[in-house]
């Protein structure tokens, strides 16, 4: 994303849409920024390259957690 880091976007999304379940898709080799964001507000994360079954599993879990 140009001009904004994903870890900065997640808190904004949660503030505007508190019931939103955010699953971050990240290419970070160093997971510290993603992990700290997940611990704060994101529901879960998937590392690139991701597999469709892994992503769909996390999406299904997010829907069940509603």
Protein backbone atom coordinates (compact mmCIF):
# COMPACT_ATOMS: atom_id res chain seq x y z
CA UNK A 1 0.00 0.00 0.00
CA UNK A 2 1.52 3.30 -0.94
CA UNK A 3 1.80 5.96 1.78
CA UNK A 4 0.50 3.74 4.59
CA UNK A 5 1.77 0.67 6.33
CA UNK A 6 -0.75 -2.13 6.90
CA UNK A 7 -0.04 -2.16 10.62
CA UNK A 8 -1.22 1.46 10.72
CA UNK A 9 -4.38 0.70 8.74
CA UNK A 10 -5.68 -2.09 10.98
CA UNK A 11 -6.39 0.12 14.05
CA UNK A 12 -8.18 2.62 11.78
CA UNK A 13 -10.39 -0.13 10.34
CA UNK A 14 -11.22 -1.48 13.79
CA UNK A 15 -12.07 2.00 15.06
CA UNK A 16 -14.44 2.65 12.13
CA UNK A 17 -15.83 -0.89 11.97
CA UNK A 18 -15.56 -2.40 15.47
CA UNK A 19 -17.20 -5.70 14.45
CA UNK A 20 -14.80 -6.19 11.54
CA UNK A 21 -12.49 -9.20 11.74
CA UNK A 22 -9.17 -8.25 10.15
CA UNK A 23 -6.93 -10.96 8.74
CA UNK A 24 -3.60 -9.48 7.73
CA UNK A 25 -1.78 -10.85 4.69
CA UNK A 26 1.89 -10.04 5.14
CA UNK A 27 5.14 -10.55 3.30
CA UNK A 28 7.23 -9.68 6.35
CA UNK A 29 10.18 -11.93 7.03
CA UNK A 30 10.42 -10.24 10.40
CA UNK A 31 7.01 -10.90 11.94
CA UNK A 32 7.39 -8.48 14.88
CA UNK A 33 5.32 -5.62 13.35
CA UNK A 34 2.56 -8.00 12.27
CA UNK A 35 2.52 -9.91 15.55
CA UNK A 36 2.30 -6.74 17.63
CA UNK A 37 -0.61 -5.50 15.49
CA UNK A 38 -2.35 -8.86 15.72
CA UNK A 39 -1.98 -8.86 19.49
CA UNK A 40 -3.50 -5.39 19.62
CA UNK A 41 -6.39 -5.51 17.14
CA UNK A 42 -6.17 -7.93 14.23
CA UNK A 43 -8.00 -11.25 14.29
CA UNK A 44 -5.25 -13.27 12.60
CA UNK A 45 -2.60 -13.16 9.88
CA UNK A 46 -1.38 -15.15 6.87
CA UNK A 47 2.16 -14.99 5.51
CA UNK A 48 2.87 -14.69 1.79
CA UNK A 49 2.99 -16.83 -0.19
CA UNK A 50 -0.16 -18.21 1.38
CA UNK A 51 -2.15 -21.28 0.50
CA UNK A 52 -5.83 -20.98 -0.30
CA UNK A 53 -6.81 -23.65 2.26
CA UNK A 54 -4.94 -21.77 5.01
CA UNK A 55 -6.55 -18.45 4.11
CA UNK A 56 -10.04 -19.94 3.75
CA UNK A 57 -9.66 -21.70 7.09
CA UNK A 58 -8.86 -18.42 8.81
CA UNK A 59 -11.76 -16.66 7.07
CA UNK A 60 -14.15 -19.42 8.15
CA UNK A 61 -12.88 -19.16 11.71
CA UNK A 62 -13.46 -15.40 11.65
CA UNK A 63 -17.07 -15.90 10.55
CA UNK A 64 -17.66 -18.49 13.28
CA UNK A 65 -16.26 -16.10 15.88
CA UNK A 66 -18.89 -13.44 15.13
